[in-house]
Protein backbone atom coordinates (compact mmCIF):
# COMPACT_ATOMS: atom_id res chain seq x y z
CA MET A 1 241.65 180.83 134.21
CA ASN A 2 240.42 180.17 130.52
CA PHE A 3 238.22 177.25 129.86
CA ASN A 4 237.58 177.54 126.01
CA ALA A 5 234.13 177.04 125.97
CA HIS A 6 232.66 176.09 122.71
CA ILE A 7 229.59 174.71 121.19
CA LEU A 8 229.12 171.62 119.58
CA GLU A 9 226.62 170.36 117.43
CA TYR A 10 226.60 166.57 116.62
CA ASP A 11 224.61 165.15 113.27
CA ASN A 12 224.20 161.62 114.34
CA ILE A 13 225.15 159.33 117.02
CA THR A 14 228.62 158.41 115.39
CA GLN A 15 230.00 161.76 115.80
CA ALA A 16 228.48 161.98 119.37
CA ARG A 17 230.32 158.71 120.06
CA ASP A 18 233.26 159.52 118.60
CA ALA A 19 233.47 162.97 121.12
CA LEU A 20 232.49 161.28 123.71
CA SER A 21 235.60 158.71 123.09
CA ALA A 22 237.66 161.45 122.72
CA ILE A 23 237.36 163.15 126.19
CA ASN A 24 238.26 159.35 127.40
CA CYS A 25 234.49 158.97 128.66
CA ASP A 26 234.13 155.44 130.31
CA LYS A 27 232.30 152.75 127.60
CA ALA A 28 229.25 152.63 130.20
CA GLY A 29 228.98 156.47 130.01
CA ILE A 30 229.22 156.55 126.03
CA ALA A 31 226.12 154.26 125.83
CA ILE A 32 224.10 156.07 128.12
CA MET A 33 224.96 159.55 126.91
CA GLU A 34 225.12 158.91 123.09
CA ASN A 35 221.73 159.19 122.35
CA LYS A 36 221.41 162.35 124.36
CA ALA A 37 223.75 164.55 122.45
CA VAL A 38 222.21 164.59 119.14
CA PHE A 39 219.14 166.83 118.69
CA LYS A 40 216.75 166.51 116.42
CA ILE A 41 213.81 168.86 115.18
CA MET A 42 210.93 167.57 112.89
CA LYS A 43 208.52 168.78 111.15
CA LEU A 44 205.31 166.94 109.84
CA GLU A 45 202.05 168.29 108.33
CA ASN A 46 198.28 167.31 108.62
CA ILE A 47 198.02 165.80 111.79
CA PRO A 48 194.58 165.35 113.53
CA SER A 49 194.41 167.75 116.30
CA LYS A 50 193.51 165.11 118.57
CA ALA A 51 196.72 163.05 117.91
CA ALA A 52 198.74 166.08 118.17
CA ASN A 53 197.64 167.05 121.45
CA LEU A 54 198.56 163.49 122.71
CA LEU A 55 202.02 163.20 120.27
CA LYS A 56 202.88 166.65 122.53
CA GLN A 57 201.85 164.81 125.95
CA THR A 58 203.69 162.16 125.09
CA PHE A 59 207.19 163.85 124.39
CA LEU A 60 206.81 166.30 126.98
CA ALA A 61 206.85 163.42 129.41
CA LYS A 62 209.96 162.16 128.04
CA GLY A 63 211.61 165.83 128.15
CA GLY A 64 210.69 167.02 124.36
CA GLU A 65 208.70 169.44 123.03
CA VAL A 66 205.93 169.71 120.21
CA ALA A 67 204.82 172.53 118.62
CA VAL A 68 201.26 173.06 117.42
CA ALA A 69 198.72 175.29 115.83
CA ARG A 70 196.74 177.28 118.16
CA GLY A 71 193.44 175.76 118.35
CA THR A 72 194.87 172.35 118.52
CA ALA A 73 194.57 172.18 122.09
CA ASP A 74 190.66 172.49 122.63
CA LEU A 75 189.64 170.77 119.37
CA SER A 76 188.88 174.13 117.53
CA ILE A 77 190.53 173.23 114.23
CA GLU A 78 190.58 169.82 112.64
CA MET A 79 194.43 169.26 111.60
CA THR A 80 197.80 171.18 112.52
CA ASP A 81 201.14 171.15 111.11
CA VAL A 82 203.70 170.17 114.06
CA ILE A 83 206.95 170.47 114.78
CA ILE A 84 208.84 168.06 117.19
CA MET A 85 212.04 168.82 119.41
CA ALA A 86 214.06 166.31 120.86
CA THR A 87 217.09 164.35 121.47
CA MET A 88 217.71 161.03 119.95
CA LYS A 89 216.72 159.40 123.76
CA GLN A 90 213.64 161.15 123.89
CA TYR A 91 212.82 159.86 120.46
CA ARG A 92 213.28 156.75 121.04
CA LEU A 93 211.14 156.56 124.05
CA ALA A 94 208.38 158.58 123.12
CA LEU A 95 207.98 156.54 119.69
CA SER A 96 207.65 153.37 121.91
CA GLN A 97 204.62 154.52 123.56
CA LEU A 98 203.43 156.24 120.69
CA LYS A 99 202.76 152.77 119.27
CA ALA A 100 200.70 151.83 121.38
CA GLN A 101 197.98 154.73 121.29
CA PRO A 102 194.95 155.45 118.98
CA TRP A 103 193.94 158.01 117.05
CA GLY A 104 196.59 156.79 114.24
CA LEU A 105 199.53 157.62 116.35
CA PRO A 106 201.37 154.13 114.83
CA GLY A 107 201.31 155.45 111.80
CA VAL A 108 202.67 158.98 112.96
CA ALA A 109 205.28 157.03 114.97
CA THR A 110 206.25 155.33 111.82
CA ALA A 111 206.80 157.84 109.63
CA ILE A 112 208.89 160.07 112.49
CA GLU A 113 211.13 156.69 112.85
CA ASN A 114 211.45 156.41 109.05
CA ALA A 115 212.16 159.87 108.69
CA LEU A 116 214.99 159.50 111.48
CA GLN A 117 216.61 156.23 109.81
CA ILE A 118 216.52 157.84 106.09
CA ALA A 119 218.26 161.35 107.91
CA SER A 120 221.08 159.43 109.55
CA GLY A 121 222.25 157.65 106.82
CA PHE A 122 223.46 158.20 102.93
CA PRO A 123 221.42 157.08 100.00
CA SER A 124 224.44 154.93 98.30
CA ARG A 125 224.13 153.93 94.75
CA HIS A 126 225.82 151.80 92.15
CA TYR A 127 224.79 152.23 88.83
CA GLN A 128 226.57 149.47 86.16
CA TRP A 129 226.44 149.44 82.62
CA SER A 130 228.04 146.86 79.72
CA ASP A 131 231.34 149.42 79.49
CA ARG A 132 231.23 152.31 82.15
CA GLU A 133 229.80 152.76 86.12
CA LEU A 134 228.75 155.46 88.55
CA ILE A 135 229.30 155.45 91.91
CA ILE A 136 227.10 157.63 94.75
CA GLU A 137 229.11 157.13 98.06
CA PRO A 138 229.53 159.24 100.92
CA GLY A 139 232.52 161.37 101.16
CA ARG A 140 232.75 162.30 97.59
CA THR A 141 230.65 164.81 95.44
CA LEU A 142 230.20 163.86 91.96
CA ILE A 143 230.41 166.38 89.01
CA MET A 144 227.94 166.59 85.86
CA GLY A 145 228.88 169.06 83.44
CA ILE A 146 226.86 170.78 81.56
CA LEU A 147 227.12 170.80 77.34
CA ASN A 148 224.15 172.60 75.97
CA ILE A 149 223.84 171.89 72.52
CA THR A 150 221.25 174.97 71.70
CA PRO A 151 221.40 178.25 70.27
CA ASP A 152 219.81 179.86 73.29
CA SER A 153 220.78 178.45 76.21
CA PHE A 154 221.34 181.33 79.05
CA SER A 155 224.92 180.80 79.54
CA ASP A 156 226.60 179.25 76.45
CA GLY A 157 224.03 179.19 73.72
CA GLY A 158 225.21 178.51 70.29
CA LYS A 159 228.64 177.99 71.71
CA PHE A 160 228.56 173.69 71.40
CA ASN A 161 226.07 173.49 68.52
CA LEU A 162 228.26 172.18 66.49
CA THR A 163 229.26 168.06 67.09
CA ASP A 164 232.93 168.40 66.56
CA ALA A 165 232.63 171.24 69.44
CA ALA A 166 230.45 169.80 71.64
CA LEU A 167 232.79 166.68 71.58
CA ARG A 168 235.85 168.74 72.03
CA HIS A 169 234.01 170.49 75.06
CA ALA A 170 232.72 167.19 76.50
CA GLN A 171 236.52 165.92 76.80
CA GLN A 172 238.17 168.66 78.46
CA MET A 173 235.28 168.53 81.11
CA VAL A 174 235.88 164.70 81.42
CA LEU A 175 239.77 165.64 81.78
CA ASP A 176 238.69 168.72 84.24
CA GLY A 177 236.90 165.87 86.59
CA ALA A 178 233.33 165.51 85.18
CA ASP A 179 232.00 162.30 86.50
CA ILE A 180 228.58 162.50 83.95
CA ILE A 181 228.06 164.45 80.95
CA ASP A 182 224.44 166.00 80.85
CA ILE A 183 223.58 167.03 77.28
CA GLY A 184 220.83 168.99 76.38
CA ALA A 185 219.40 169.97 73.02
CA GLU A 186 216.20 172.27 74.11
CA SER A 187 217.11 175.45 76.52
CA THR A 188 214.77 175.05 79.28
CA ARG A 189 216.07 178.23 80.92
CA PRO A 190 212.66 179.38 82.71
CA TYR A 191 213.23 183.39 81.06
CA GLY A 192 212.84 183.46 77.36
CA SER A 193 213.58 179.89 76.37
CA GLN A 194 212.05 178.75 72.92
CA VAL A 195 209.81 175.29 72.92
CA ILE A 196 210.87 172.82 69.96
CA SER A 197 209.35 169.97 68.76
CA ALA A 198 210.50 166.63 69.89
CA GLU A 199 211.78 165.57 66.25
CA GLU A 200 213.88 169.02 66.03
CA GLU A 201 214.85 168.11 69.68
CA LEU A 202 216.62 164.79 67.98
CA ASP A 203 217.83 166.64 64.85
CA ARG A 204 219.81 168.43 67.26
CA LEU A 205 220.58 165.79 69.95
CA MET A 206 221.51 162.77 67.77
CA PRO A 207 224.34 163.68 66.43
CA ALA A 208 226.15 164.87 69.15
CA LEU A 209 224.73 161.96 71.75
CA GLU A 210 226.20 159.25 69.35
CA ARG A 211 229.58 160.58 69.41
CA LEU A 212 229.77 161.25 72.88
CA ILE A 213 228.67 158.14 74.02
CA HIS A 214 231.38 156.49 71.65
CA SER A 215 233.92 158.79 72.98
CA LEU A 216 233.50 159.32 76.67
CA PRO A 217 234.24 156.81 79.47
CA VAL A 218 231.59 158.18 81.38
CA PRO A 219 227.81 158.14 81.55
CA ILE A 220 225.64 160.01 79.36
CA SER A 221 222.68 162.25 80.70
CA VAL A 222 220.10 163.28 78.23
CA ASP A 223 218.28 166.26 79.32
CA THR A 224 214.60 166.30 78.32
CA TYR A 225 211.41 165.75 79.25
CA LYS A 226 209.82 164.49 76.20
CA ALA A 227 209.16 160.10 76.39
CA SER A 228 209.73 160.17 72.65
CA VAL A 229 213.45 161.69 72.73
CA ALA A 230 214.34 160.02 76.18
CA ASP A 231 213.05 156.77 74.56
CA ALA A 232 215.56 157.68 71.03
CA SER A 233 218.26 158.59 73.79
CA LEU A 234 218.30 155.05 75.79
CA LYS A 235 217.61 153.44 72.59
CA ALA A 236 221.00 155.12 71.44
CA GLY A 237 223.19 154.21 74.42
CA ALA A 238 222.31 157.09 76.86
CA HIS A 239 222.49 155.85 80.45
CA ILE A 240 220.78 158.34 82.18
CA ILE A 241 217.73 160.53 82.05
CA ASN A 242 217.36 164.37 83.56
CA ASP A 243 213.76 165.30 83.35
CA VAL A 244 213.37 169.08 84.42
CA TRP A 245 209.51 168.52 84.94
CA GLY A 246 210.05 165.50 87.33
CA LEU A 247 208.03 163.05 85.26
CA GLN A 248 204.90 164.88 85.18
CA PHE A 249 204.99 166.83 81.75
CA ASP A 250 204.72 163.83 79.63
CA GLY A 251 202.56 161.01 80.90
CA ASP A 252 204.52 158.52 78.69
CA MET A 253 208.31 159.73 80.29
CA ALA A 254 208.23 157.06 83.37
CA SER A 255 207.06 154.03 81.17
CA VAL A 256 209.61 154.81 78.45
CA VAL A 257 212.65 155.02 81.45
CA ALA A 258 211.00 151.88 83.37
CA SER A 259 211.01 150.07 79.84
CA HIS A 260 215.02 151.07 79.96
CA GLN A 261 215.48 150.28 83.43
CA ALA A 262 217.42 153.56 83.53
CA PRO A 263 218.33 155.93 86.57
CA VAL A 264 216.33 159.23 86.00
CA ILE A 265 216.45 162.60 87.66
CA ILE A 266 213.74 164.33 88.61
CA MET A 267 213.40 168.04 89.21
CA HIS A 268 210.68 170.19 90.90
CA ASN A 269 209.46 173.04 88.71
CA GLN A 270 206.16 174.72 88.11
CA THR A 271 204.77 177.63 85.95
CA GLY A 272 205.09 180.79 87.95
CA SER A 273 206.37 181.61 91.84
CA GLU A 274 203.81 181.35 93.91
CA TYR A 275 203.65 179.33 96.66
CA LYS A 276 200.72 178.96 99.37
CA ARG A 277 202.25 177.11 101.62
CA ASP A 278 206.08 176.54 103.01
CA ILE A 279 207.97 176.49 99.61
CA LEU A 280 210.02 173.09 101.06
CA SER A 281 206.73 171.45 101.77
CA GLU A 282 205.75 172.34 98.17
CA ILE A 283 208.59 170.52 96.88
CA HIS A 284 208.69 167.62 99.14
CA GLU A 285 204.99 166.85 97.86
CA PHE A 286 205.78 167.70 94.08
CA LEU A 287 208.96 165.00 94.58
CA HIS A 288 206.71 162.70 96.26
CA CYS A 289 204.12 162.45 93.54
CA SER A 290 207.30 162.07 90.91
CA ILE A 291 208.43 159.37 92.84
CA ASP A 292 204.75 157.52 93.36
CA LYS A 293 204.74 157.93 89.39
CA ALA A 294 208.24 156.49 88.74
CA THR A 295 207.64 153.44 90.91
CA THR A 296 204.04 153.03 89.94
CA ALA A 297 205.70 153.27 86.44
CA GLY A 298 207.96 150.18 87.67
CA ILE A 299 211.35 152.22 87.85
CA SER A 300 213.40 151.19 90.62
CA ALA A 301 213.66 153.25 94.14
CA ASP A 302 217.38 153.29 93.73
CA ASN A 303 217.44 154.44 90.08
CA ILE A 304 215.67 157.77 91.09
CA ILE A 305 217.60 161.24 91.90
CA VAL A 306 216.01 163.97 93.19
CA ASP A 307 216.77 167.83 92.02
CA PRO A 308 214.92 170.62 94.10
CA GLY A 309 215.19 172.85 90.93
CA VAL A 310 216.68 176.17 91.86
CA GLY A 311 215.90 178.79 89.52
CA PHE A 312 212.80 177.04 88.48
CA GLY A 313 209.62 178.62 89.43
CA LYS A 314 211.22 180.37 91.88
CA THR A 315 212.05 183.98 93.14
CA PRO A 316 215.52 184.72 94.18
CA ALA A 317 214.23 184.78 97.91
CA HIS A 318 212.90 181.31 96.91
CA ASN A 319 216.12 179.95 95.96
CA LEU A 320 218.02 181.33 99.05
CA THR A 321 215.76 179.50 101.24
CA VAL A 322 216.35 176.44 99.18
CA MET A 323 219.79 176.27 99.03
CA SER A 324 219.41 177.27 102.91
CA ARG A 325 217.16 174.46 103.78
CA LEU A 326 218.45 171.55 101.18
CA GLN A 327 218.91 169.08 104.22
CA GLU A 328 215.63 168.59 104.48
CA LEU A 329 215.60 166.95 101.01
CA LYS A 330 217.56 164.19 102.81
CA THR A 331 214.16 162.54 103.94
CA LEU A 332 213.11 161.17 100.52
CA ASN A 333 215.86 158.83 100.45
CA CYS A 334 217.03 159.13 97.67
CA PRO A 335 220.63 161.16 95.88
CA ILE A 336 220.38 164.72 95.61
CA LEU A 337 221.52 166.85 92.38
CA LEU A 338 221.80 170.57 92.77
CA GLY A 339 221.93 172.95 90.06
CA THR A 340 222.98 176.35 90.65
CA SER A 341 225.57 176.97 88.26
CA ARG A 342 225.78 180.72 86.84
CA LYS A 343 221.96 181.22 87.42
CA ARG A 344 220.14 184.72 87.94
CA PHE A 345 220.25 184.92 91.53
CA ILE A 346 223.33 184.83 91.59
CA GLY A 347 223.73 187.22 89.30
CA GLU A 348 221.21 189.52 91.37
CA ILE A 349 223.11 188.86 94.55
CA LEU A 350 226.65 190.01 93.19
CA ASN A 351 225.61 192.10 90.17
CA THR A 352 227.69 190.24 88.17
CA PRO A 353 226.88 188.97 83.97
CA VAL A 354 226.41 185.19 83.05
CA ASP A 355 230.47 184.72 82.32
CA ASP A 356 231.36 186.23 85.84
CA ARG A 357 229.43 184.17 88.75
CA ILE A 358 232.51 181.08 89.42
CA GLU A 359 232.96 182.42 92.95
CA GLY A 360 229.21 183.02 93.38
CA THR A 361 228.31 179.03 92.00
CA GLY A 362 231.52 177.99 94.17
CA ALA A 363 229.36 179.07 97.32
CA THR A 364 226.47 177.46 96.45
CA VAL A 365 228.39 174.03 95.97
CA ALA A 366 230.08 174.35 99.26
CA VAL A 367 226.89 174.78 101.09
CA GLY A 368 224.78 172.26 98.69
CA ILE A 369 227.67 169.41 99.98
CA THR A 370 227.63 170.26 103.59
CA LYS A 371 223.79 169.87 103.23
CA GLY A 372 223.69 166.26 101.63
CA VAL A 373 224.21 167.13 98.14
CA SER A 374 225.70 163.82 95.74
CA ILE A 375 225.84 165.87 92.44
CA ILE A 376 226.72 168.87 91.46
CA ARG A 377 225.75 169.92 88.00
CA VAL A 378 227.93 172.76 86.72
CA HIS A 379 229.39 174.48 83.67
CA ASP A 380 232.71 175.37 85.17
CA VAL A 381 233.88 171.67 85.64
CA LYS A 382 237.73 172.63 86.77
CA ALA A 383 236.93 174.89 89.47
CA MET A 384 233.75 173.28 90.98
CA THR A 385 235.59 169.73 90.84
CA ARG A 386 238.34 171.46 93.15
CA ILE A 387 235.45 173.28 95.78
CA ALA A 388 234.04 169.78 95.77
CA LYS A 389 237.24 167.80 96.44
CA MET A 390 238.16 170.36 99.35
CA THR A 391 234.73 170.69 100.54
CA ASP A 392 234.62 166.81 101.13
CA ALA A 393 237.83 166.67 102.39
CA ILE A 394 236.82 169.14 104.93
CA LEU A 395 233.26 167.05 105.71
CA ARG A 396 235.51 163.81 106.13
CA GLY A 397 237.47 165.48 108.53
């Protein structure tokens, strides 16, 4: 007899509840079992060894597990990272107990609780301007079309640096499905880009920006890391700032964005590609710092979008690691933007030139969406819109 055995995986209680209902499980049984069907693995860093030992004991008593560093049990090390492995029921029982324990464990419990709550949701956003809007919601990935008005961008440098050509290309991207147009007047590619002054950047940017604002129905994002360029762009009517240095290059950027109450994309970046710790931990740390800078300056938390910075300060192997673990960024509680379009690591894997990476880009887009990405930043808008639409439909199914 064929019993048709197959493995199920549920990301949240709703999925587990629906599956139990589908086999006509008793309602009382569903209420008991739904929290047992969702298994979550969580990492926390820099936990004092005394607290880590009690954390481990608490979860073990509930049927879960906590991995700690060697030397934690005999307190021969002061701090340890921990990895918790437990069902939602085990988390609930353990957290209730941890909140009454010493050595800072109530704070640890709160951090765990917040991470679980954030990861189970979706950071919906509704941005409105006088003549247009942008909605980030579950089930529909937004498309950001790339418009480089530069002579030296890695993919399309020189193609659209004349205003008429830039406008025609932007209009076509909107027709092809772009929800946002991201315009950049200085190449920020990690390899061989030429730094230009704010004055030169504005000379390139403003003629095209003014035409786009009055000619397109979608929001316009400006790709810049200079506060003066951001200020002039927002005063001219731009809607979003996309900062590849995550508000950490120009000390005035956060206050400029806050003064305009504009949404901002903060990207992870660094000089060089050396990481002393786990790369996702360092990306988290950088983006947390950027978020703190933003909120301290007066930027609303709802106006922050994060970008892991694929291709920036990372080797090809780093980029693949980031892609495979994108879901870990969900605990930042911000929409995630992914920019992988035509990038070098795709070319190195597929052995293709920059203008022949559409399939590789499509693979990264589909994977990114399955891991919680809300916005994809792409050159090939028509193809990627179709890939995103199909991936969204599968996930909703």
